[in-house]
PDB file of N, CA and C in Angstrom:
ATOM      1  N   UNK A   1     120.413 154.777  86.943  1.00  0.00           N
ATOM      2  CA  UNK A   1     119.940 153.525  87.494  1.00  0.00           C
ATOM      3  C   UNK A   1     119.588 153.682  88.978  1.00  0.00           C
ATOM      4  N   UNK A   2     120.329 154.535  89.669  1.00  0.00           N
ATOM      5  CA  UNK A   2     120.054 154.751  91.091  1.00  0.00           C
ATOM      6  C   UNK A   2     118.681 155.401  91.254  1.00  0.00           C
ATOM      7  N   UNK A   3     118.425 156.464  90.494  1.00  0.00           N
ATOM      8  CA  UNK A   3     117.135 157.154  90.622  1.00  0.00           C
ATOM      9  C   UNK A   3     115.974 156.246  90.206  1.00  0.00           C
ATOM     10  N   UNK A   4     116.174 155.432  89.200  1.00  0.00           N
ATOM     11  CA  UNK A   4     115.132 154.493  88.788  1.00  0.00           C
ATOM     12  C   UNK A   4     114.846 153.501  89.908  1.00  0.00           C
ATOM     13  N   UNK A   5     115.888 152.971  90.513  1.00  0.00           N
ATOM     14  CA  UNK A   5     115.732 152.011  91.604  1.00  0.00           C
ATOM     15  C   UNK A   5     115.006 152.633  92.790  1.00  0.00           C
ATOM     16  N   UNK A   6     115.383 153.844  93.146  1.00  0.00           N
ATOM     17  CA  UNK A   6     114.736 154.536  94.273  1.00  0.00           C
ATOM     18  C   UNK A   6     113.266 154.791  93.958  1.00  0.00           C
ATOM     19  N   UNK A   7     112.990 155.265  92.763  1.00  0.00           N
ATOM     20  CA  UNK A   7     111.610 155.571  92.374  1.00  0.00           C
ATOM     21  C   UNK A   7     110.742 154.329  92.357  1.00  0.00           C
ATOM     22  N   UNK A   8     111.303 153.206  91.947  1.00  0.00           N
ATOM     23  CA  UNK A   8     110.561 151.941  92.003  1.00  0.00           C
ATOM     24  C   UNK A   8     110.265 151.558  93.450  1.00  0.00           C
ATOM     25  N   UNK A   9     111.269 151.655  94.302  1.00  0.00           N
ATOM     26  CA  UNK A   9     111.086 151.293  95.711  1.00  0.00           C
ATOM     27  C   UNK A   9     110.072 152.200  96.391  1.00  0.00           C
ATOM     28  N   UNK A  10     110.011 153.467  95.961  1.00  0.00           N
ATOM     29  CA  UNK A  10     109.060 154.420  96.532  1.00  0.00           C
ATOM     30  C   UNK A  10     107.734 154.454  95.777  1.00  0.00           C
ATOM     31  N   UNK A  11     107.599 153.596  94.763  1.00  0.00           N
ATOM     32  CA  UNK A  11     106.360 153.473  93.992  1.00  0.00           C
ATOM     33  C   UNK A  11     105.918 154.802  93.369  1.00  0.00           C
ATOM     34  N   UNK A  12     106.881 155.501  92.761  1.00  0.00           N
ATOM     35  CA  UNK A  12     106.563 156.772  92.096  1.00  0.00           C
ATOM     36  C   UNK A  12     106.476 156.522  90.592  1.00  0.00           C
ATOM     37  N   UNK A  13     105.256 156.401  90.095  1.00  0.00           N
ATOM     38  CA  UNK A  13     105.034 156.076  88.686  1.00  0.00           C
ATOM     39  C   UNK A  13     105.616 157.139  87.745  1.00  0.00           C
ATOM     40  N   UNK A  14     105.493 158.408  88.137  1.00  0.00           N
ATOM     41  CA  UNK A  14     106.024 159.482  87.294  1.00  0.00           C
ATOM     42  C   UNK A  14     107.536 159.345  87.136  1.00  0.00           C
ATOM     43  N   UNK A  15     108.249 159.210  88.244  1.00  0.00           N
ATOM     44  CA  UNK A  15     109.712 159.141  88.187  1.00  0.00           C
ATOM     45  C   UNK A  15     110.206 157.850  87.554  1.00  0.00           C
ATOM     46  N   UNK A  16     109.492 156.758  87.729  1.00  0.00           N
ATOM     47  CA  UNK A  16     109.874 155.512  87.053  1.00  0.00           C
ATOM     48  C   UNK A  16     109.808 155.728  85.542  1.00  0.00           C
ATOM     49  N   UNK A  17     108.732 156.329  85.067  1.00  0.00           N
ATOM     50  CA  UNK A  17     108.597 156.595  83.634  1.00  0.00           C
ATOM     51  C   UNK A  17     109.684 157.560  83.156  1.00  0.00           C
ATOM     52  N   UNK A  18     109.903 158.617  83.913  1.00  0.00           N
ATOM     53  CA  UNK A  18     110.902 159.618  83.518  1.00  0.00           C
ATOM     54  C   UNK A  18     112.308 159.026  83.495  1.00  0.00           C
ATOM     55  N   UNK A  19     112.694 158.337  84.546  1.00  0.00           N
ATOM     56  CA  UNK A  19     114.058 157.811  84.613  1.00  0.00           C
ATOM     57  C   UNK A  19     114.282 156.641  83.658  1.00  0.00           C
ATOM     58  N   UNK A  20     113.244 155.895  83.346  1.00  0.00           N
ATOM     59  CA  UNK A  20     113.364 154.845  82.330  1.00  0.00           C
ATOM     60  C   UNK A  20     113.656 155.463  80.970  1.00  0.00           C
ATOM     61  N   UNK A  21     112.920 156.506  80.644  1.00  0.00           N
ATOM     62  CA  UNK A  21     113.095 157.188  79.358  1.00  0.00           C
ATOM     63  C   UNK A  21     114.462 157.858  79.278  1.00  0.00           C
ATOM     64  N   UNK A  22     114.846 158.548  80.328  1.00  0.00           N
ATOM     65  CA  UNK A  22     116.145 159.235  80.349  1.00  0.00           C
ATOM     66  C   UNK A  22     117.283 158.225  80.242  1.00  0.00           C
ATOM     67  N   UNK A  23     117.160 157.112  80.956  1.00  0.00           N
ATOM     68  CA  UNK A  23     118.206 156.081  80.903  1.00  0.00           C
ATOM     69  C   UNK A  23     118.363 155.528  79.490  1.00  0.00           C
ATOM     70  N   UNK A  24     117.249 155.324  78.804  1.00  0.00           N
ATOM     71  CA  UNK A  24     117.302 154.770  77.446  1.00  0.00           C
ATOM     72  C   UNK A  24     117.825 155.791  76.441  1.00  0.00           C
ATOM     73  N   UNK A  25     117.248 156.998  76.476  1.00  0.00           N
ATOM     74  CA  UNK A  25     117.523 157.972  75.428  1.00  0.00           C
ATOM     75  C   UNK A  25     118.793 158.783  75.665  1.00  0.00           C
ATOM     76  N   UNK A  26     119.037 159.211  76.893  1.00  0.00           N
ATOM     77  CA  UNK A  26     120.195 160.067  77.138  1.00  0.00           C
ATOM     78  C   UNK A  26     121.413 159.285  77.603  1.00  0.00           C
ATOM     79  N   UNK A  27     121.213 158.323  78.487  1.00  0.00           N
ATOM     80  CA  UNK A  27     122.340 157.562  79.021  1.00  0.00           C
ATOM     81  C   UNK A  27     122.657 156.345  78.158  1.00  0.00           C
ATOM     82  N   UNK A  28     121.797 156.068  77.175  1.00  0.00           N
ATOM     83  CA  UNK A  28     121.989 154.924  76.275  1.00  0.00           C
ATOM     84  C   UNK A  28     122.106 153.595  77.023  1.00  0.00           C
ATOM     85  N   UNK A  29     121.387 153.496  78.139  1.00  0.00           N
ATOM     86  CA  UNK A  29     121.378 152.244  78.905  1.00  0.00           C
ATOM     87  C   UNK A  29     120.614 151.184  78.117  1.00  0.00           C
ATOM     88  N   UNK A  30     121.130 149.975  78.091  1.00  0.00           N
ATOM     89  CA  UNK A  30     120.420 148.902  77.377  1.00  0.00           C
ATOM     90  C   UNK A  30     119.036 148.648  77.990  1.00  0.00           C
ATOM     91  N   UNK A  31     118.057 148.483  77.123  1.00  0.00           N
ATOM     92  CA  UNK A  31     116.694 148.227  77.571  1.00  0.00           C
ATOM     93  C   UNK A  31     116.588 147.005  78.465  1.00  0.00           C
ATOM     94  N   UNK A  32     117.409 146.000  78.210  1.00  0.00           N
ATOM     95  CA  UNK A  32     117.359 144.774  79.011  1.00  0.00           C
ATOM     96  C   UNK A  32     117.706 145.060  80.479  1.00  0.00           C
ATOM     97  N   UNK A  33     118.615 146.005  80.694  1.00  0.00           N
ATOM     98  CA  UNK A  33     118.990 146.362  82.068  1.00  0.00           C
ATOM     99  C   UNK A  33     117.870 147.140  82.729  1.00  0.00           C
ATOM    100  N   UNK A  34     117.314 148.090  82.023  1.00  0.00           N
ATOM    101  CA  UNK A  34     116.212 148.891  82.577  1.00  0.00           C
ATOM    102  C   UNK A  34     115.027 147.990  82.912  1.00  0.00           C
ATOM    103  N   UNK A  35     114.687 147.097  82.012  1.00  0.00           N
ATOM    104  CA  UNK A  35     113.550 146.203  82.254  1.00  0.00           C
ATOM    105  C   UNK A  35     113.833 145.234  83.400  1.00  0.00           C
ATOM    106  N   UNK A  36     115.066 144.783  83.528  1.00  0.00           N
ATOM    107  CA  UNK A  36     115.421 143.901  84.647  1.00  0.00           C
ATOM    108  C   UNK A  36     115.258 144.633  85.974  1.00  0.00           C
ATOM    109  N   UNK A  37     115.708 145.875  86.020  1.00  0.00           N
ATOM    110  CA  UNK A  37     115.551 146.665  87.253  1.00  0.00           C
ATOM    111  C   UNK A  37     114.073 146.829  87.569  1.00  0.00           C
ATOM    112  N   UNK A  38     113.291 147.178  86.576  1.00  0.00           N
ATOM    113  CA  UNK A  38     111.854 147.390  86.787  1.00  0.00           C
ATOM    114  C   UNK A  38     111.144 146.118  87.229  1.00  0.00           C
ATOM    115  N   UNK A  39     111.606 144.969  86.743  1.00  0.00           N
ATOM    116  CA  UNK A  39     110.972 143.693  87.086  1.00  0.00           C
ATOM    117  C   UNK A  39     111.559 143.064  88.349  1.00  0.00           C
ATOM    118  N   UNK A  40     112.592 143.690  88.910  1.00  0.00           N
ATOM    119  CA  UNK A  40     113.232 143.120  90.090  1.00  0.00           C
ATOM    120  C   UNK A  40     114.033 141.872  89.769  1.00  0.00           C
ATOM    121  N   UNK A  41     114.471 141.752  88.525  1.00  0.00           N
ATOM    122  CA  UNK A  41     115.244 140.599  88.064  1.00  0.00           C
ATOM    123  C   UNK A  41     116.742 140.900  88.126  1.00  0.00           C
ATOM    124  N   UNK A  42     117.576 139.864  88.166  1.00  0.00           N
ATOM    125  CA  UNK A  42     119.027 140.084  88.176  1.00  0.00           C
ATOM    126  C   UNK A  42     119.493 140.795  86.908  1.00  0.00           C
ATOM    127  N   UNK A  43     120.528 141.598  87.073  1.00  0.00           N
ATOM    128  CA  UNK A  43     121.135 142.340  85.965  1.00  0.00           C
ATOM    129  C   UNK A  43     122.409 141.602  85.567  1.00  0.00           C
ATOM    130  N   UNK A  44     122.671 141.454  84.277  1.00  0.00           N
ATOM    131  CA  UNK A  44     123.846 140.707  83.855  1.00  0.00           C
ATOM    132  C   UNK A  44     125.184 141.327  84.297  1.00  0.00           C
ATOM    133  N   UNK A  45     125.222 142.609  84.562  1.00  0.00           N
ATOM    134  CA  UNK A  45     126.432 143.293  85.015  1.00  0.00           C
ATOM    135  C   UNK A  45     126.483 143.217  86.547  1.00  0.00           C
ATOM    136  N   UNK A  46     127.461 142.482  87.085  1.00  0.00           N
ATOM    137  CA  UNK A  46     127.520 142.231  88.528  1.00  0.00           C
ATOM    138  C   UNK A  46     127.674 143.501  89.358  1.00  0.00           C
ATOM    139  N   UNK A  47     128.487 144.434  88.891  1.00  0.00           N
ATOM    140  CA  UNK A  47     128.699 145.672  89.654  1.00  0.00           C
ATOM    141  C   UNK A  47     127.426 146.514  89.662  1.00  0.00           C
ATOM    142  N   UNK A  48     126.771 146.612  88.527  1.00  0.00           N
ATOM    143  CA  UNK A  48     125.508 147.351  88.463  1.00  0.00           C
ATOM    144  C   UNK A  48     124.451 146.657  89.318  1.00  0.00           C
ATOM    145  N   UNK A  49     124.443 145.348  89.315  1.00  0.00           N
ATOM    146  CA  UNK A  49     123.516 144.587  90.162  1.00  0.00           C
ATOM    147  C   UNK A  49     123.752 144.924  91.631  1.00  0.00           C
ATOM    148  N   UNK A  50     125.012 144.990  92.044  1.00  0.00           N
ATOM    149  CA  UNK A  50     125.336 145.330  93.433  1.00  0.00           C
ATOM    150  C   UNK A  50     124.857 146.739  93.778  1.00  0.00           C
ATOM    151  N   UNK A  51     124.969 147.663  92.827  1.00  0.00           N
ATOM    152  CA  UNK A  51     124.497 149.029  93.047  1.00  0.00           C
ATOM    153  C   UNK A  51     122.986 149.068  93.234  1.00  0.00           C
ATOM    154  N   UNK A  52     122.276 148.362  92.387  1.00  0.00           N
ATOM    155  CA  UNK A  52     120.815 148.331  92.468  1.00  0.00           C
ATOM    156  C   UNK A  52     120.361 147.667  93.772  1.00  0.00           C
ATOM    157  N   UNK A  53     120.969 146.552  94.124  1.00  0.00           N
ATOM    158  CA  UNK A  53     120.600 145.834  95.351  1.00  0.00           C
ATOM    159  C   UNK A  53     120.851 146.715  96.572  1.00  0.00           C
ATOM    160  N   UNK A  54     122.013 147.361  96.612  1.00  0.00           N
ATOM    161  CA  UNK A  54     122.333 148.210  97.758  1.00  0.00           C
ATOM    162  C   UNK A  54     121.385 149.408  97.844  1.00  0.00           C
ATOM    163  N   UNK A  55     121.129 150.048  96.710  1.00  0.00           N
ATOM    164  CA  UNK A  55     120.228 151.203  96.694  1.00  0.00           C
ATOM    165  C   UNK A  55     118.835 150.810  97.173  1.00  0.00           C
ATOM    166  N   UNK A  56     118.326 149.702  96.666  1.00  0.00           N
ATOM    167  CA  UNK A  56     117.004 149.214  97.086  1.00  0.00           C
ATOM    168  C   UNK A  56     116.997 148.937  98.592  1.00  0.00           C
ATOM    169  N   UNK A  57     118.078 148.363  99.094  1.00  0.00           N
ATOM    170  CA  UNK A  57     118.197 148.054 100.519  1.00  0.00           C
ATOM    171  C   UNK A  57     118.147 149.335 101.357  1.00  0.00           C
ATOM    172  N   UNK A  58     118.874 150.360 100.935  1.00  0.00           N
ATOM    173  CA  UNK A  58     118.878 151.629 101.675  1.00  0.00           C
ATOM    174  C   UNK A  58     117.462 152.188 101.783  1.00  0.00           C
ATOM    175  N   UNK A  59     116.726 152.174 100.666  1.00  0.00           N
ATOM    176  CA  UNK A  59     115.351 152.694 100.680  1.00  0.00           C
ATOM    177  C   UNK A  59     114.456 151.831 101.562  1.00  0.00           C
ATOM    178  N   UNK A  60     114.490 150.536 101.352  1.00  0.00           N
ATOM    179  CA  UNK A  60     113.607 149.636 102.099  1.00  0.00           C
ATOM    180  C   UNK A  60     113.889 149.652 103.592  1.00  0.00           C
ATOM    181  N   UNK A  61     115.151 149.828 103.957  1.00  0.00           N
ATOM    182  CA  UNK A  61     115.535 149.830 105.376  1.00  0.00           C
ATOM    183  C   UNK A  61     115.512 151.231 105.971  1.00  0.00           C
ATOM    184  N   UNK A  62     115.071 152.201 105.169  1.00  0.00           N
ATOM    185  CA  UNK A  62     114.983 153.600 105.599  1.00  0.00           C
ATOM    186  C   UNK A  62     116.296 154.084 106.209  1.00  0.00           C
ATOM    187  N   UNK A  63     117.392 153.677 105.576  1.00  0.00           N
ATOM    188  CA  UNK A  63     118.710 154.108 106.002  1.00  0.00           C
ATOM    189  C   UNK A  63     119.379 153.225 107.035  1.00  0.00           C
ATOM    190  N   UNK A  64     118.645 152.285 107.611  1.00  0.00           N
ATOM    191  CA  UNK A  64     119.223 151.373 108.606  1.00  0.00           C
ATOM    192  C   UNK A  64     119.912 150.224 107.873  1.00  0.00           C
ATOM    193  N   UNK A  65     121.020 150.546 107.224  1.00  0.00           N
ATOM    194  CA  UNK A  65     121.733 149.595 106.376  1.00  0.00           C
ATOM    195  C   UNK A  65     122.389 148.508 107.213  1.00  0.00           C
ATOM    196  N   UNK A  66     122.130 147.283 106.826  1.00  0.00           N
ATOM    197  CA  UNK A  66     122.752 146.147 107.507  1.00  0.00           C
ATOM    198  C   UNK A  66     124.226 146.077 107.104  1.00  0.00           C
ATOM    199  N   UNK A  67     125.064 145.687 108.050  1.00  0.00           N
ATOM    200  CA  UNK A  67     126.508 145.626 107.800  1.00  0.00           C
ATOM    201  C   UNK A  67     126.840 144.736 106.609  1.00  0.00           C
ATOM    202  N   UNK A  68     126.134 143.625 106.478  1.00  0.00           N
ATOM    203  CA  UNK A  68     126.405 142.711 105.362  1.00  0.00           C
ATOM    204  C   UNK A  68     126.115 143.378 104.023  1.00  0.00           C
ATOM    205  N   UNK A  69     125.068 144.172 103.972  1.00  0.00           N
ATOM    206  CA  UNK A  69     124.718 144.859 102.731  1.00  0.00           C
ATOM    207  C   UNK A  69     125.812 145.863 102.349  1.00  0.00           C
ATOM    208  N   UNK A  70     126.286 146.616 103.320  1.00  0.00           N
ATOM    209  CA  UNK A  70     127.382 147.560 103.054  1.00  0.00           C
ATOM    210  C   UNK A  70     128.644 146.807 102.656  1.00  0.00           C
ATOM    211  N   UNK A  71     128.916 145.703 103.333  1.00  0.00           N
ATOM    212  CA  UNK A  71     130.088 144.886 103.011  1.00  0.00           C
ATOM    213  C   UNK A  71     130.010 144.368 101.569  1.00  0.00           C
ATOM    214  N   UNK A  72     128.848 143.866 101.171  1.00  0.00           N
ATOM    215  CA  UNK A  72     128.662 143.347  99.812  1.00  0.00           C
ATOM    216  C   UNK A  72     128.863 144.450  98.772  1.00  0.00           C
ATOM    217  N   UNK A  73     128.372 145.637  99.073  1.00  0.00           N
ATOM    218  CA  UNK A  73     128.513 146.790  98.175  1.00  0.00           C
ATOM    219  C   UNK A  73     129.991 147.147  98.003  1.00  0.00           C
ATOM    220  N   UNK A  74     130.700 147.205  99.114  1.00  0.00           N
ATOM    221  CA  UNK A  74     132.134 147.509  99.060  1.00  0.00           C
ATOM    222  C   UNK A  74     132.905 146.398  98.342  1.00  0.00           C
ATOM    223  N   UNK A  75     132.532 145.163  98.595  1.00  0.00           N
ATOM    224  CA  UNK A  75     133.200 144.020  97.959  1.00  0.00           C
ATOM    225  C   UNK A  75     132.994 144.012  96.442  1.00  0.00           C
ATOM    226  N   UNK A  76     131.932 144.651  95.976  1.00  0.00           N
ATOM    227  CA  UNK A  76     131.654 144.724  94.535  1.00  0.00           C
ATOM    228  C   UNK A  76     132.513 145.786  93.846  1.00  0.00           C
ATOM    229  N   UNK A  77     133.312 146.512  94.634  1.00  0.00           N
ATOM    230  CA  UNK A  77     134.212 147.500  94.046  1.00  0.00           C
ATOM    231  C   UNK A  77     133.828 148.939  94.296  1.00  0.00           C
ATOM    232  N   UNK A  78     132.829 149.153  95.130  1.00  0.00           N
ATOM    233  CA  UNK A  78     132.431 150.516  95.467  1.00  0.00           C
ATOM    234  C   UNK A  78     133.196 150.988  96.703  1.00  0.00           C
ATOM    235  N   UNK A  79     133.084 152.280  96.990  1.00  0.00           N
ATOM    236  CA  UNK A  79     133.804 152.871  98.114  1.00  0.00           C
ATOM    237  C   UNK A  79     132.829 153.381  99.165  1.00  0.00           C
ATOM    238  N   UNK A  80     133.362 153.737 100.321  1.00  0.00           N
ATOM    239  CA  UNK A  80     132.535 154.315 101.375  1.00  0.00           C
ATOM    240  C   UNK A  80     131.941 155.649 100.928  1.00  0.00           C
ATOM    241  N   UNK A  81     132.673 156.399 100.142  1.00  0.00           N
ATOM    242  CA  UNK A  81     132.136 157.658  99.600  1.00  0.00           C
ATOM    243  C   UNK A  81     130.931 157.365  98.706  1.00  0.00           C
ATOM    244  N   UNK A  82     130.983 156.272  97.971  1.00  0.00           N
ATOM    245  CA  UNK A  82     129.851 155.919  97.119  1.00  0.00           C
ATOM    246  C   UNK A  82     128.649 155.458  97.944  1.00  0.00           C
ATOM    247  N   UNK A  83     128.889 154.925  99.132  1.00  0.00           N
ATOM    248  CA  UNK A  83     127.767 154.636 100.040  1.00  0.00           C
ATOM    249  C   UNK A  83     127.060 155.943 100.373  1.00  0.00           C
ATOM    250  N   UNK A  84     127.836 156.967 100.695  1.00  0.00           N
ATOM    251  CA  UNK A  84     127.242 158.271 101.007  1.00  0.00           C
ATOM    252  C   UNK A  84     126.549 158.870  99.794  1.00  0.00           C
ATOM    253  N   UNK A  85     127.096 158.636  98.609  1.00  0.00           N
ATOM    254  CA  UNK A  85     126.451 159.129  97.382  1.00  0.00           C
ATOM    255  C   UNK A  85     125.089 158.485  97.167  1.00  0.00           C
ATOM    256  N   UNK A  86     124.984 157.201  97.451  1.00  0.00           N
ATOM    257  CA  UNK A  86     123.688 156.514  97.340  1.00  0.00           C
ATOM    258  C   UNK A  86     122.714 157.105  98.354  1.00  0.00           C
ATOM    259  N   UNK A  87     123.171 157.326  99.569  1.00  0.00           N
ATOM    260  CA  UNK A  87     122.305 157.900 100.603  1.00  0.00           C
ATOM    261  C   UNK A  87     121.825 159.292 100.190  1.00  0.00           C
ATOM    262  N   UNK A  88     122.714 160.101  99.639  1.00  0.00           N
ATOM    263  CA  UNK A  88     122.329 161.429  99.152  1.00  0.00           C
ATOM    264  C   UNK A  88     121.282 161.306  98.047  1.00  0.00           C
ATOM    265  N   UNK A  89     121.500 160.390  97.114  1.00  0.00           N
ATOM    266  CA  UNK A  89     120.539 160.187  96.024  1.00  0.00           C
ATOM    267  C   UNK A  89     119.184 159.755  96.566  1.00  0.00           C
ATOM    268  N   UNK A  90     119.184 158.894  97.575  1.00  0.00           N
ATOM    269  CA  UNK A  90     117.921 158.453  98.189  1.00  0.00           C
ATOM    270  C   UNK A  90     117.195 159.648  98.790  1.00  0.00           C
ATOM    271  N   UNK A  91     117.926 160.530  99.468  1.00  0.00           N
ATOM    272  CA  UNK A  91     117.289 161.710 100.065  1.00  0.00           C
ATOM    273  C   UNK A  91     116.669 162.612  99.019  1.00  0.00           C
ATOM    274  N   UNK A  92     117.435 162.927  97.995  1.00  0.00           N
ATOM    275  CA  UNK A  92     116.961 163.827  96.941  1.00  0.00           C
ATOM    276  C   UNK A  92     115.780 163.222  96.195  1.00  0.00           C
ATOM    277  N   UNK A  93     115.909 161.975  95.796  1.00  0.00           N
ATOM    278  CA  UNK A  93     114.861 161.346  94.985  1.00  0.00           C
ATOM    279  C   UNK A  93     113.616 161.073  95.805  1.00  0.00           C
ATOM    280  N   UNK A  94     113.768 160.762  97.079  1.00  0.00           N
ATOM    281  CA  UNK A  94     112.591 160.534  97.918  1.00  0.00           C
ATOM    282  C   UNK A  94     111.767 161.810  98.036  1.00  0.00           C
ATOM    283  N   UNK A  95     112.422 162.968  98.164  1.00  0.00           N
ATOM    284  CA  UNK A  95     111.686 164.244  98.174  1.00  0.00           C
ATOM    285  C   UNK A  95     110.882 164.407  96.887  1.00  0.00           C
ATOM    286  N   UNK A  96     111.505 164.106  95.777  1.00  0.00           N
ATOM    287  CA  UNK A  96     110.831 164.199  94.485  1.00  0.00           C
ATOM    288  C   UNK A  96     109.686 163.196  94.383  1.00  0.00           C
ATOM    289  N   UNK A  97     109.938 161.961  94.793  1.00  0.00           N
ATOM    290  CA  UNK A  97     108.902 160.924  94.737  1.00  0.00           C
ATOM    291  C   UNK A  97     107.697 161.306  95.582  1.00  0.00           C
ATOM    292  N   UNK A  98     107.942 161.751  96.797  1.00  0.00           N
ATOM    293  CA  UNK A  98     106.843 162.105  97.693  1.00  0.00           C
ATOM    294  C   UNK A  98     106.066 163.304  97.160  1.00  0.00           C
ATOM    295  N   UNK A  99     106.772 164.253  96.548  1.00  0.00           N
ATOM    296  CA  UNK A  99     106.094 165.402  95.953  1.00  0.00           C
ATOM    297  C   UNK A  99     105.157 164.944  94.846  1.00  0.00           C
ATOM    298  N   UNK A 100     105.625 164.014  94.025  1.00  0.00           N
ATOM    299  CA  UNK A 100     104.771 163.490  92.959  1.00  0.00           C
ATOM    300  C   UNK A 100     103.601 162.686  93.512  1.00  0.00           C
ATOM    301  N   UNK A 101     103.791 162.020  94.634  1.00  0.00           N
ATOM    302  CA  UNK A 101     102.676 161.299  95.265  1.00  0.00           C
ATOM    303  C   UNK A 101     101.582 162.282  95.679  1.00  0.00           C
ATOM    304  N   UNK A 102     101.991 163.342  96.359  1.00  0.00           N
ATOM    305  CA  UNK A 102     101.018 164.324  96.852  1.00  0.00           C
ATOM    306  C   UNK A 102     100.355 165.061  95.694  1.00  0.00           C
ATOM    307  N   UNK A 103     101.148 165.434  94.697  1.00  0.00           N
ATOM    308  CA  UNK A 103     100.628 166.202  93.561  1.00  0.00           C
ATOM    309  C   UNK A 103      99.905 165.331  92.539  1.00  0.00           C
ATOM    310  N   UNK A 104     100.067 164.000  92.669  1.00  0.00           N
ATOM    311  CA  UNK A 104      99.492 163.084  91.691  1.00  0.00           C
ATOM    312  C   UNK A 104      99.873 163.517  90.270  1.00  0.00           C
ATOM    313  N   UNK A 105     101.166 163.739  90.092  1.00  0.00           N
ATOM    314  CA  UNK A 105     101.699 164.263  88.846  1.00  0.00           C
ATOM    315  C   UNK A 105     101.398 163.319  87.685  1.00  0.00           C
ATOM    316  N   UNK A 106     100.738 163.841  86.652  1.00  0.00           N
ATOM    317  CA  UNK A 106     100.488 162.997  85.466  1.00  0.00           C
ATOM    318  C   UNK A 106     101.779 162.779  84.691  1.00  0.00           C
ATOM    319  N   UNK A 107     101.906 161.620  84.074  1.00  0.00           N
ATOM    320  CA  UNK A 107     103.095 161.304  83.296  1.00  0.00           C
ATOM    321  C   UNK A 107     103.057 162.095  81.986  1.00  0.00           C
ATOM    322  N   UNK A 108     104.130 162.820  81.722  1.00  0.00           N
ATOM    323  CA  UNK A 108     104.253 163.601  80.480  1.00  0.00           C
ATOM    324  C   UNK A 108     104.271 162.661  79.277  1.00  0.00           C
ATOM    325  N   UNK A 109     103.764 163.144  78.155  1.00  0.00           N
ATOM    326  CA  UNK A 109     103.735 162.328  76.940  1.00  0.00           C
ATOM    327  C   UNK A 109     105.123 161.826  76.552  1.00  0.00           C
ATOM    328  N   UNK A 110     106.135 162.650  76.768  1.00  0.00           N
ATOM    329  CA  UNK A 110     107.500 162.268  76.381  1.00  0.00           C
ATOM    330  C   UNK A 110     107.998 161.059  77.171  1.00  0.00           C
ATOM    331  N   UNK A 111     107.419 160.822  78.359  1.00  0.00           N
ATOM    332  CA  UNK A 111     107.840 159.701  79.190  1.00  0.00           C
ATOM    333  C   UNK A 111     106.917 158.484  79.051  1.00  0.00           C
ATOM    334  N   UNK A 112     105.872 158.595  78.274  1.00  0.00           N
ATOM    335  CA  UNK A 112     104.965 157.470  78.046  1.00  0.00           C
ATOM    336  C   UNK A 112     105.535 156.599  76.944  1.00  0.00           C
ATOM    337  N   UNK A 113     105.621 155.294  77.218  1.00  0.00           N
ATOM    338  CA  UNK A 113     106.091 154.392  76.168  1.00  0.00           C
ATOM    339  C   UNK A 113     105.288 153.154  76.136  1.00  0.00           C
TER     340      UNK A 113
END
């Protein structure tokens, strides 16, 4: 869900398709959650919603996380280590997203739905 959220925020069509497919097929994530994330709609699971909101905030703010956003993330049951994990994921996925932007990577058939 973190990589999907980052890829959406970075507008990487390839990674959105890939992570949507992986979430459904390998992680067995409910389609309703994946579609809610893709549509920017609330997720019925409050903790997952807090993760998506915080991750999107980190990307949109380019790491300049507002104290309230970090506070809300921690209040949802996450830890400071998990804040760093989100930041690491943003770094890794942003490199991938930008590479796909430059390469104009076509979406593989397996990720087309």
